[in-house]
PDB file of N, CA and C in Angstrom:
ATOM      1  N   MET A   1      -3.805   1.049  21.816  1.00  0.00           N
ATOM      2  CA  MET A   1      -3.365   0.225  20.708  1.00  0.00           C
ATOM      3  C   MET A   1      -4.141   0.650  19.351  1.00  0.00           C
ATOM      4  N   GLU A   2      -3.519   0.615  18.669  1.00  0.00           N
ATOM      5  CA  GLU A   2      -4.138   1.260  17.148  1.00  0.00           C
ATOM      6  C   GLU A   2      -5.178  -0.019  16.498  1.00  0.00           C
ATOM      7  N   ALA A   3      -6.139   0.300  15.888  1.00  0.00           N
ATOM      8  CA  ALA A   3      -7.057  -0.525  15.163  1.00  0.00           C
ATOM      9  C   ALA A   3      -6.398  -1.169  13.954  1.00  0.00           C
ATOM     10  N   LYS A   4      -6.629  -2.226  13.612  1.00  0.00           N
ATOM     11  CA  LYS A   4      -6.064  -2.898  12.467  1.00  0.00           C
ATOM     12  C   LYS A   4      -7.021  -2.467  11.372  1.00  0.00           C
ATOM     13  N   GLU A   5      -6.295  -2.527   9.960  1.00  0.00           N
ATOM     14  CA  GLU A   5      -6.910  -2.344   8.920  1.00  0.00           C
ATOM     15  C   GLU A   5      -7.858  -3.275   8.546  1.00  0.00           C
ATOM     16  N   HIS A   6      -7.534  -4.429   8.919  1.00  0.00           N
ATOM     17  CA  HIS A   6      -8.128  -5.672   8.466  1.00  0.00           C
ATOM     18  C   HIS A   6      -8.874  -6.605   9.841  1.00  0.00           C
ATOM     19  N   ALA A   7      -9.516  -7.359   9.239  1.00  0.00           N
ATOM     20  CA  ALA A   7     -10.092  -8.070  10.542  1.00  0.00           C
ATOM     21  C   ALA A   7      -9.666  -9.461  10.768  1.00  0.00           C
ATOM     22  N   PHE A   8      -8.560  -9.577  10.059  1.00  0.00           N
ATOM     23  CA  PHE A   8      -7.688 -11.038  10.372  1.00  0.00           C
ATOM     24  C   PHE A   8      -6.345 -10.752  10.966  1.00  0.00           C
ATOM     25  N   LEU A   9      -6.087 -11.914  11.603  1.00  0.00           N
ATOM     26  CA  LEU A   9      -4.803 -11.971  12.314  1.00  0.00           C
ATOM     27  C   LEU A   9      -3.959 -12.917  11.435  1.00  0.00           C
ATOM     28  N   THR A  10      -2.549 -12.355  11.220  1.00  0.00           N
ATOM     29  CA  THR A  10      -1.823 -13.283  10.518  1.00  0.00           C
ATOM     30  C   THR A  10      -1.375 -14.238  11.392  1.00  0.00           C
ATOM     31  N   GLU A  11      -0.590 -15.536  10.713  1.00  0.00           N
ATOM     32  CA  GLU A  11      -0.549 -16.785  11.442  1.00  0.00           C
ATOM     33  C   GLU A  11       0.493 -16.287  12.447  1.00  0.00           C
ATOM     34  N   GLU A  12       1.610 -15.555  12.360  1.00  0.00           N
ATOM     35  CA  GLU A  12       2.587 -15.081  13.055  1.00  0.00           C
ATOM     36  C   GLU A  12       2.008 -14.419  14.358  1.00  0.00           C
ATOM     37  N   GLU A  13       1.065 -13.622  14.341  1.00  0.00           N
ATOM     38  CA  GLU A  13       0.526 -13.110  15.525  1.00  0.00           C
ATOM     39  C   GLU A  13      -0.614 -14.206  16.180  1.00  0.00           C
ATOM     40  N   VAL A  14      -1.118 -15.097  15.502  1.00  0.00           N
ATOM     41  CA  VAL A  14      -1.780 -16.044  16.414  1.00  0.00           C
ATOM     42  C   VAL A  14      -0.991 -16.989  16.852  1.00  0.00           C
ATOM     43  N   GLU A  15       0.030 -17.273  16.523  1.00  0.00           N
ATOM     44  CA  GLU A  15       0.941 -17.976  17.181  1.00  0.00           C
ATOM     45  C   GLU A  15       1.728 -17.375  18.274  1.00  0.00           C
ATOM     46  N   SER A  16       2.071 -15.984  18.391  1.00  0.00           N
ATOM     47  CA  SER A  16       2.576 -15.160  19.255  1.00  0.00           C
ATOM     48  C   SER A  16       1.618 -15.189  20.521  1.00  0.00           C
ATOM     49  N   VAL A  17       0.325 -14.881  20.166  1.00  0.00           N
ATOM     50  CA  VAL A  17      -0.690 -15.118  21.047  1.00  0.00           C
ATOM     51  C   VAL A  17      -0.839 -16.112  21.744  1.00  0.00           C
ATOM     52  N   SER A  18      -0.991 -17.356  21.150  1.00  0.00           N
ATOM     53  CA  SER A  18      -1.138 -18.478  21.637  1.00  0.00           C
ATOM     54  C   SER A  18      -0.059 -19.037  22.507  1.00  0.00           C
ATOM     55  N   GLN A  19       1.407 -18.663  22.308  1.00  0.00           N
ATOM     56  CA  GLN A  19       2.397 -18.707  23.066  1.00  0.00           C
ATOM     57  C   GLN A  19       2.233 -17.904  24.440  1.00  0.00           C
ATOM     58  N   ILE A  20       1.698 -16.744  24.370  1.00  0.00           N
ATOM     59  CA  ILE A  20       1.456 -16.144  25.743  1.00  0.00           C
ATOM     60  C   ILE A  20       0.428 -16.828  26.394  1.00  0.00           C
ATOM     61  N   PHE A  21      -0.865 -17.292  25.866  1.00  0.00           N
ATOM     62  CA  PHE A  21      -1.605 -18.064  26.640  1.00  0.00           C
ATOM     63  C   PHE A  21      -1.142 -19.421  27.345  1.00  0.00           C
ATOM     64  N   LYS A  22      -0.178 -19.888  26.485  1.00  0.00           N
ATOM     65  CA  LYS A  22       0.264 -21.109  26.772  1.00  0.00           C
ATOM     66  C   LYS A  22       1.301 -20.898  28.070  1.00  0.00           C
ATOM     67  N   ALA A  23       1.952 -19.692  28.110  1.00  0.00           N
ATOM     68  CA  ALA A  23       2.851 -19.422  29.269  1.00  0.00           C
ATOM     69  C   ALA A  23       1.820 -19.162  30.504  1.00  0.00           C
ATOM     70  N   LEU A  24       0.608 -18.531  30.445  1.00  0.00           N
ATOM     71  CA  LEU A  24      -0.206 -18.187  31.611  1.00  0.00           C
ATOM     72  C   LEU A  24      -1.153 -19.470  31.983  1.00  0.00           C
ATOM     73  N   SER A  25      -1.033 -20.512  31.087  1.00  0.00           N
ATOM     74  CA  SER A  25      -1.748 -21.702  31.198  1.00  0.00           C
ATOM     75  C   SER A  25      -1.496 -22.561  32.585  1.00  0.00           C
ATOM     76  N   ASP A  26      -0.292 -22.536  32.921  1.00  0.00           N
ATOM     77  CA  ASP A  26       0.318 -23.195  33.731  1.00  0.00           C
ATOM     78  C   ASP A  26       0.255 -22.685  35.250  1.00  0.00           C
ATOM     79  N   PRO A  27      -0.460 -23.315  36.416  1.00  0.00           N
ATOM     80  CA  PRO A  27      -0.502 -22.665  37.578  1.00  0.00           C
ATOM     81  C   PRO A  27       0.960 -22.437  38.255  1.00  0.00           C
ATOM     82  N   THR A  28       1.847 -23.119  38.026  1.00  0.00           N
ATOM     83  CA  THR A  28       3.410 -22.935  38.499  1.00  0.00           C
ATOM     84  C   THR A  28       3.805 -21.478  37.969  1.00  0.00           C
ATOM     85  N   ARG A  29       3.632 -21.445  36.541  1.00  0.00           N
ATOM     86  CA  ARG A  29       4.088 -20.161  36.044  1.00  0.00           C
ATOM     87  C   ARG A  29       3.164 -19.008  36.344  1.00  0.00           C
ATOM     88  N   ILE A  30       2.016 -19.299  36.756  1.00  0.00           N
ATOM     89  CA  ILE A  30       1.225 -18.014  37.242  1.00  0.00           C
ATOM     90  C   ILE A  30       1.726 -17.611  38.549  1.00  0.00           C
ATOM     91  N   ARG A  31       1.938 -18.507  39.450  1.00  0.00           N
ATOM     92  CA  ARG A  31       2.602 -18.189  40.633  1.00  0.00           C
ATOM     93  C   ARG A  31       3.824 -17.698  40.522  1.00  0.00           C
ATOM     94  N   LEU A  32       4.778 -18.273  39.681  1.00  0.00           N
ATOM     95  CA  LEU A  32       6.090 -17.668  39.412  1.00  0.00           C
ATOM     96  C   LEU A  32       5.951 -16.126  38.819  1.00  0.00           C
ATOM     97  N   LEU A  33       5.235 -15.792  37.844  1.00  0.00           N
ATOM     98  CA  LEU A  33       5.164 -14.535  37.431  1.00  0.00           C
ATOM     99  C   LEU A  33       4.485 -13.799  38.060  1.00  0.00           C
ATOM    100  N   TYR A  34       3.280 -14.086  39.001  1.00  0.00           N
ATOM    101  CA  TYR A  34       2.891 -13.141  40.098  1.00  0.00           C
ATOM    102  C   TYR A  34       4.010 -12.641  40.905  1.00  0.00           C
ATOM    103  N   LEU A  35       4.886 -13.647  41.397  1.00  0.00           N
ATOM    104  CA  LEU A  35       5.656 -13.336  42.540  1.00  0.00           C
ATOM    105  C   LEU A  35       6.698 -12.229  41.832  1.00  0.00           C
ATOM    106  N   LEU A  36       7.258 -12.489  40.460  1.00  0.00           N
ATOM    107  CA  LEU A  36       8.059 -11.630  40.120  1.00  0.00           C
ATOM    108  C   LEU A  36       7.641 -10.250  39.754  1.00  0.00           C
ATOM    109  N   SER A  37       6.372 -10.223  39.439  1.00  0.00           N
ATOM    110  CA  SER A  37       5.559  -9.137  39.168  1.00  0.00           C
ATOM    111  C   SER A  37       5.612  -8.021  40.666  1.00  0.00           C
ATOM    112  N   GLN A  38       6.076  -8.585  41.572  1.00  0.00           N
ATOM    113  CA  GLN A  38       6.077  -8.156  42.728  1.00  0.00           C
ATOM    114  C   GLN A  38       7.314  -7.791  43.399  1.00  0.00           C
ATOM    115  N   GLU A  39       8.254  -8.504  42.818  1.00  0.00           N
ATOM    116  CA  GLU A  39       9.857  -8.372  43.250  1.00  0.00           C
ATOM    117  C   GLU A  39      10.905  -8.914  42.566  1.00  0.00           C
ATOM    118  N   GLU A  40      12.004  -8.622  42.106  1.00  0.00           N
ATOM    119  CA  GLU A  40      13.113  -9.127  41.862  1.00  0.00           C
ATOM    120  C   GLU A  40      13.319 -10.184  42.318  1.00  0.00           C
ATOM    121  N   CYS A  41      13.704 -11.573  41.881  1.00  0.00           N
ATOM    122  CA  CYS A  41      13.978 -12.498  42.883  1.00  0.00           C
ATOM    123  C   CYS A  41      15.137 -13.484  42.443  1.00  0.00           C
ATOM    124  N   SER A  42      15.739 -14.214  43.392  1.00  0.00           N
ATOM    125  CA  SER A  42      16.899 -15.446  42.998  1.00  0.00           C
ATOM    126  C   SER A  42      16.069 -16.709  42.563  1.00  0.00           C
ATOM    127  N   VAL A  43      16.474 -17.627  42.216  1.00  0.00           N
ATOM    128  CA  VAL A  43      16.211 -18.783  41.946  1.00  0.00           C
ATOM    129  C   VAL A  43      15.806 -19.527  43.495  1.00  0.00           C
ATOM    130  N   ASN A  44      16.918 -19.334  44.397  1.00  0.00           N
ATOM    131  CA  ASN A  44      16.617 -19.896  45.652  1.00  0.00           C
ATOM    132  C   ASN A  44      15.453 -19.196  46.436  1.00  0.00           C
ATOM    133  N   HIS A  45      15.319 -17.833  46.322  1.00  0.00           N
ATOM    134  CA  HIS A  45      14.214 -17.230  46.793  1.00  0.00           C
ATOM    135  C   HIS A  45      12.717 -17.694  46.218  1.00  0.00           C
ATOM    136  N   ILE A  46      12.712 -17.999  44.989  1.00  0.00           N
ATOM    137  CA  ILE A  46      11.556 -18.350  44.203  1.00  0.00           C
ATOM    138  C   ILE A  46      11.237 -19.861  44.923  1.00  0.00           C
ATOM    139  N   ALA A  47      12.336 -20.652  44.903  1.00  0.00           N
ATOM    140  CA  ALA A  47      12.067 -22.018  45.445  1.00  0.00           C
ATOM    141  C   ALA A  47      11.114 -22.167  46.634  1.00  0.00           C
ATOM    142  N   GLU A  48      12.082 -21.141  47.528  1.00  0.00           N
ATOM    143  CA  GLU A  48      11.550 -21.170  49.037  1.00  0.00           C
ATOM    144  C   GLU A  48       9.949 -20.731  49.134  1.00  0.00           C
ATOM    145  N   VAL A  49       9.846 -19.465  48.374  1.00  0.00           N
ATOM    146  CA  VAL A  49       8.283 -18.862  48.310  1.00  0.00           C
ATOM    147  C   VAL A  49       7.413 -19.981  47.851  1.00  0.00           C
ATOM    148  N   LEU A  50       7.732 -20.331  46.557  1.00  0.00           N
ATOM    149  CA  LEU A  50       6.880 -21.280  45.653  1.00  0.00           C
ATOM    150  C   LEU A  50       6.890 -22.813  46.524  1.00  0.00           C
ATOM    151  N   ASP A  51       7.774 -23.051  47.487  1.00  0.00           N
ATOM    152  CA  ASP A  51       7.795 -24.507  47.858  1.00  0.00           C
ATOM    153  C   ASP A  51       7.950 -25.531  46.791  1.00  0.00           C
ATOM    154  N   MET A  52       9.109 -24.940  45.738  1.00  0.00           N
ATOM    155  CA  MET A  52       9.470 -25.798  44.810  1.00  0.00           C
ATOM    156  C   MET A  52      10.789 -26.360  44.939  1.00  0.00           C
ATOM    157  N   SER A  53      11.547 -27.328  43.949  1.00  0.00           N
ATOM    158  CA  SER A  53      13.006 -27.380  43.859  1.00  0.00           C
ATOM    159  C   SER A  53      13.445 -26.569  43.072  1.00  0.00           C
ATOM    160  N   GLN A  54      14.906 -26.181  43.336  1.00  0.00           N
ATOM    161  CA  GLN A  54      15.533 -25.208  42.300  1.00  0.00           C
ATOM    162  C   GLN A  54      15.621 -25.689  40.805  1.00  0.00           C
ATOM    163  N   SER A  55      15.614 -27.062  40.922  1.00  0.00           N
ATOM    164  CA  SER A  55      15.481 -27.605  39.661  1.00  0.00           C
ATOM    165  C   SER A  55      14.231 -27.123  38.819  1.00  0.00           C
ATOM    166  N   ALA A  56      13.143 -27.249  39.413  1.00  0.00           N
ATOM    167  CA  ALA A  56      11.808 -27.173  38.830  1.00  0.00           C
ATOM    168  C   ALA A  56      11.876 -25.691  38.348  1.00  0.00           C
ATOM    169  N   VAL A  57      12.118 -24.758  39.609  1.00  0.00           N
ATOM    170  CA  VAL A  57      12.095 -23.308  39.094  1.00  0.00           C
ATOM    171  C   VAL A  57      12.789 -22.989  37.994  1.00  0.00           C
ATOM    172  N   SER A  58      14.225 -23.420  37.944  1.00  0.00           N
ATOM    173  CA  SER A  58      14.903 -23.419  36.896  1.00  0.00           C
ATOM    174  C   SER A  58      14.598 -23.669  35.601  1.00  0.00           C
ATOM    175  N   HIS A  59      13.623 -24.951  35.271  1.00  0.00           N
ATOM    176  CA  HIS A  59      13.119 -25.308  34.077  1.00  0.00           C
ATOM    177  C   HIS A  59      11.975 -24.373  33.744  1.00  0.00           C
ATOM    178  N   GLN A  60      11.169 -23.731  34.682  1.00  0.00           N
ATOM    179  CA  GLN A  60      10.078 -22.919  34.515  1.00  0.00           C
ATOM    180  C   GLN A  60      10.618 -21.486  34.081  1.00  0.00           C
ATOM    181  N   LEU A  61      11.751 -21.060  34.704  1.00  0.00           N
ATOM    182  CA  LEU A  61      12.289 -19.838  34.140  1.00  0.00           C
ATOM    183  C   LEU A  61      12.774 -20.024  32.927  1.00  0.00           C
ATOM    184  N   SER A  62      13.368 -20.890  32.616  1.00  0.00           N
ATOM    185  CA  SER A  62      13.855 -21.277  31.134  1.00  0.00           C
ATOM    186  C   SER A  62      12.659 -21.127  29.979  1.00  0.00           C
ATOM    187  N   PHE A  63      11.575 -21.739  30.324  1.00  0.00           N
ATOM    188  CA  PHE A  63      10.573 -21.543  29.743  1.00  0.00           C
ATOM    189  C   PHE A  63      10.135 -20.321  29.309  1.00  0.00           C
ATOM    190  N   LEU A  64       9.988 -19.381  30.421  1.00  0.00           N
ATOM    191  CA  LEU A  64       9.466 -17.922  30.404  1.00  0.00           C
ATOM    192  C   LEU A  64      10.684 -17.102  29.736  1.00  0.00           C
ATOM    193  N   ARG A  65      11.839 -17.385  30.077  1.00  0.00           N
ATOM    194  CA  ARG A  65      12.778 -16.783  29.387  1.00  0.00           C
ATOM    195  C   ARG A  65      12.735 -16.741  27.899  1.00  0.00           C
ATOM    196  N   ASN A  66      12.696 -18.114  27.295  1.00  0.00           N
ATOM    197  CA  ASN A  66      12.513 -18.528  25.998  1.00  0.00           C
ATOM    198  C   ASN A  66      11.421 -17.616  25.051  1.00  0.00           C
ATOM    199  N   ARG A  67      10.486 -17.362  26.032  1.00  0.00           N
ATOM    200  CA  ARG A  67       9.490 -16.513  25.397  1.00  0.00           C
ATOM    201  C   ARG A  67       9.568 -15.163  25.860  1.00  0.00           C
ATOM    202  N   ARG A  68      10.706 -14.734  26.539  1.00  0.00           N
ATOM    203  CA  ARG A  68      10.856 -13.262  26.662  1.00  0.00           C
ATOM    204  C   ARG A  68       9.992 -12.574  27.732  1.00  0.00           C
ATOM    205  N   LEU A  69       9.635 -13.399  28.506  1.00  0.00           N
ATOM    206  CA  LEU A  69       8.483 -13.054  29.552  1.00  0.00           C
ATOM    207  C   LEU A  69       9.398 -12.727  30.958  1.00  0.00           C
ATOM    208  N   VAL A  70      10.583 -13.308  31.105  1.00  0.00           N
ATOM    209  CA  VAL A  70      11.440 -13.033  32.419  1.00  0.00           C
ATOM    210  C   VAL A  70      12.559 -12.547  31.625  1.00  0.00           C
ATOM    211  N   LYS A  71      13.449 -11.917  32.518  1.00  0.00           N
ATOM    212  CA  LYS A  71      14.961 -11.674  32.045  1.00  0.00           C
ATOM    213  C   LYS A  71      15.864 -12.019  33.513  1.00  0.00           C
ATOM    214  N   LYS A  72      16.996 -12.140  33.335  1.00  0.00           N
ATOM    215  CA  LYS A  72      18.124 -12.209  34.339  1.00  0.00           C
ATOM    216  C   LYS A  72      19.032 -11.267  34.415  1.00  0.00           C
ATOM    217  N   ARG A  73      19.558 -10.940  35.706  1.00  0.00           N
ATOM    218  CA  ARG A  73      20.833 -10.069  35.827  1.00  0.00           C
ATOM    219  C   ARG A  73      21.525 -10.684  36.804  1.00  0.00           C
ATOM    220  N   ARG A  74      22.874 -10.605  36.573  1.00  0.00           N
ATOM    221  CA  ARG A  74      23.688 -11.099  37.336  1.00  0.00           C
ATOM    222  C   ARG A  74      24.519 -10.119  38.257  1.00  0.00           C
ATOM    223  N   GLU A  75      24.661 -10.742  39.658  1.00  0.00           N
ATOM    224  CA  GLU A  75      25.225  -9.864  40.747  1.00  0.00           C
ATOM    225  C   GLU A  75      26.250 -10.885  41.433  1.00  0.00           C
ATOM    226  N   GLY A  76      27.429 -10.925  40.800  1.00  0.00           N
ATOM    227  CA  GLY A  76      28.562 -11.748  41.582  1.00  0.00           C
ATOM    228  C   GLY A  76      28.159 -13.213  40.925  1.00  0.00           C
ATOM    229  N   ASN A  77      28.005 -14.201  41.653  1.00  0.00           N
ATOM    230  CA  ASN A  77      27.472 -15.338  41.433  1.00  0.00           C
ATOM    231  C   ASN A  77      26.235 -15.675  41.379  1.00  0.00           C
ATOM    232  N   MET A  78      25.298 -14.563  41.689  1.00  0.00           N
ATOM    233  CA  MET A  78      23.981 -15.139  41.853  1.00  0.00           C
ATOM    234  C   MET A  78      23.136 -14.157  40.650  1.00  0.00           C
ATOM    235  N   LEU A  79      22.108 -15.147  40.110  1.00  0.00           N
ATOM    236  CA  LEU A  79      21.167 -14.723  39.061  1.00  0.00           C
ATOM    237  C   LEU A  79      19.808 -14.162  39.705  1.00  0.00           C
ATOM    238  N   PHE A  80      19.459 -13.116  39.194  1.00  0.00           N
ATOM    239  CA  PHE A  80      18.113 -12.652  39.803  1.00  0.00           C
ATOM    240  C   PHE A  80      17.111 -12.406  38.496  1.00  0.00           C
ATOM    241  N   TYR A  81      15.966 -12.914  38.794  1.00  0.00           N
ATOM    242  CA  TYR A  81      15.101 -12.636  37.749  1.00  0.00           C
ATOM    243  C   TYR A  81      13.936 -11.732  37.877  1.00  0.00           C
ATOM    244  N   SER A  82      13.517 -11.134  36.896  1.00  0.00           N
ATOM    245  CA  SER A  82      12.417 -10.231  36.834  1.00  0.00           C
ATOM    246  C   SER A  82      11.357 -10.007  35.670  1.00  0.00           C
ATOM    247  N   CYS A  83      10.550  -9.667  35.929  1.00  0.00           N
ATOM    248  CA  CYS A  83       9.470  -9.555  34.515  1.00  0.00           C
ATOM    249  C   CYS A  83       9.942  -8.854  33.248  1.00  0.00           C
ATOM    250  N   ASP A  84       9.905  -9.222  32.136  1.00  0.00           N
ATOM    251  CA  ASP A  84      10.085  -8.527  30.867  1.00  0.00           C
ATOM    252  C   ASP A  84       9.364  -8.213  30.378  1.00  0.00           C
ATOM    253  N   ASP A  85       8.026  -8.569  30.506  1.00  0.00           N
ATOM    254  CA  ASP A  85       6.749  -8.020  29.640  1.00  0.00           C
ATOM    255  C   ASP A  85       5.908  -7.588  30.304  1.00  0.00           C
ATOM    256  N   GLU A  86       5.647  -6.312  30.451  1.00  0.00           N
ATOM    257  CA  GLU A  86       4.723  -5.536  31.233  1.00  0.00           C
ATOM    258  C   GLU A  86       3.253  -6.027  30.854  1.00  0.00           C
ATOM    259  N   HIS A  87       3.242  -5.797  29.318  1.00  0.00           N
ATOM    260  CA  HIS A  87       1.748  -6.387  28.916  1.00  0.00           C
ATOM    261  C   HIS A  87       1.187  -7.617  29.439  1.00  0.00           C
ATOM    262  N   VAL A  88       2.000  -8.654  29.460  1.00  0.00           N
ATOM    263  CA  VAL A  88       1.702 -10.071  29.809  1.00  0.00           C
ATOM    264  C   VAL A  88       1.519  -9.905  31.456  1.00  0.00           C
ATOM    265  N   ILE A  89       2.311  -9.239  32.205  1.00  0.00           N
ATOM    266  CA  ILE A  89       2.020  -9.104  33.506  1.00  0.00           C
ATOM    267  C   ILE A  89       0.615  -8.259  33.798  1.00  0.00           C
ATOM    268  N   SER A  90       0.263  -7.314  33.008  1.00  0.00           N
ATOM    269  CA  SER A  90      -1.067  -6.657  32.907  1.00  0.00           C
ATOM    270  C   SER A  90      -2.116  -7.661  32.652  1.00  0.00           C
ATOM    271  N   LEU A  91      -1.902  -8.586  31.823  1.00  0.00           N
ATOM    272  CA  LEU A  91      -3.160  -9.556  31.431  1.00  0.00           C
ATOM    273  C   LEU A  91      -3.093 -10.398  32.570  1.00  0.00           C
ATOM    274  N   LEU A  92      -2.251 -11.009  33.210  1.00  0.00           N
ATOM    275  CA  LEU A  92      -2.192 -11.861  34.333  1.00  0.00           C
ATOM    276  C   LEU A  92      -3.049 -10.786  35.508  1.00  0.00           C
ATOM    277  N   HIS A  93      -2.789  -9.687  35.628  1.00  0.00           N
ATOM    278  CA  HIS A  93      -3.213  -9.096  36.851  1.00  0.00           C
ATOM    279  C   HIS A  93      -4.825  -8.774  36.425  1.00  0.00           C
ATOM    280  N   GLN A  94      -5.087  -8.529  35.365  1.00  0.00           N
ATOM    281  CA  GLN A  94      -6.624  -8.578  34.699  1.00  0.00           C
ATOM    282  C   GLN A  94      -7.201  -9.746  34.941  1.00  0.00           C
ATOM    283  N   ALA A  95      -6.695 -10.756  34.767  1.00  0.00           N
ATOM    284  CA  ALA A  95      -7.139 -12.209  35.032  1.00  0.00           C
ATOM    285  C   ALA A  95      -7.450 -12.231  36.640  1.00  0.00           C
ATOM    286  N   ILE A  96      -6.749 -11.748  37.240  1.00  0.00           N
ATOM    287  CA  ILE A  96      -6.691 -12.301  38.895  1.00  0.00           C
ATOM    288  C   ILE A  96      -7.887 -11.327  39.181  1.00  0.00           C
ATOM    289  N   ASN A  97      -7.866 -10.191  38.794  1.00  0.00           N
ATOM    290  CA  ASN A  97      -8.868  -9.055  39.043  1.00  0.00           C
ATOM    291  C   ASN A  97     -10.238  -9.731  38.650  1.00  0.00           C
ATOM    292  N   HIS A  98     -10.412 -10.218  37.550  1.00  0.00           N
ATOM    293  CA  HIS A  98     -11.716 -10.717  36.984  1.00  0.00           C
ATOM    294  C   HIS A  98     -12.102 -11.949  37.854  1.00  0.00           C
ATOM    295  N   CYS A  99     -11.043 -12.772  38.206  1.00  0.00           N
ATOM    296  CA  CYS A  99     -11.855 -13.918  39.145  1.00  0.00           C
ATOM    297  C   CYS A  99     -11.982 -13.337  40.509  1.00  0.00           C
ATOM    298  N   GLU A 100     -11.591 -12.222  41.099  1.00  0.00           N
ATOM    299  CA  GLU A 100     -11.974 -11.837  42.225  1.00  0.00           C
ATOM    300  C   GLU A 100     -13.038 -11.034  42.333  1.00  0.00           C
ATOM    301  N   HIS A 101     -14.290 -10.689  41.329  1.00  0.00           N
ATOM    302  CA  HIS A 101     -15.243 -10.148  41.134  1.00  0.00           C
ATOM    303  C   HIS A 101     -16.425 -11.046  40.807  1.00  0.00           C
TER     304      HIS A 101
END
């Protein structure tokens, strides 16, 4: 990461960082992102593993897709989701590691 020439963040940068932490501030989204960091999943699989309704999973996936943190892939009539931002997954794993120490 390159050092910035100035010590201030732009409003756009502050908002972007805030949106990342907002996405990571919800326990359900943390579980969902962690699962997707391990494997690509269908909505049905996510719902089963996280013991959630498909509707609730779809709502959280929509939130994460709007922030470009997850992406989808269609295979026939099935949608599969995976992580779309390795930087955010790295933050998540760092936070998990921090809590384990």
